[in-house]
Amino acid sequence: MELGEPDASGRRRPVEIEGSEFTIEADTVIEAIGQGPNKVLLSAFPELKLNKRGYIEADPETGQADPDWVFAGGDIVTGAATVILAMGAGKKAAVAIDKYITEKKAAGK
């Protein structure tokens, strides 16, 4: 994608670049779109602990939730907030996830 010419409002809209498509193989895909809890996600994992507002209850420093193999951050934890806060939560969660996986591997789990 690239930005096209400005339209009547002055906004430059994305334009597809022919032949720029690519595929990334993945075992898991995590949806990160929207400004609130994904009700399908929450109903698929009823064991998730939620707070009184219906958001995932997670440690603010690590993003670790209950069950302990779940890490969450951004709008699904705080409700609608800034992108910067969501990015910060994602960075903290990434560090915590790495530590969690490393410790599980070391313990042979």
Foldseek 3Di string as FASTA:
>chain_A
DDFDAQDPVRDTDDDDDPPPDDDDDDPDDDDDDDFEDDVVVCVVCVQFDADPVRAGDADQQAQQTPVRLDGDFHRSHVGGDDPVRRVVSVVSNVVNNVVVVVVCVVVVD
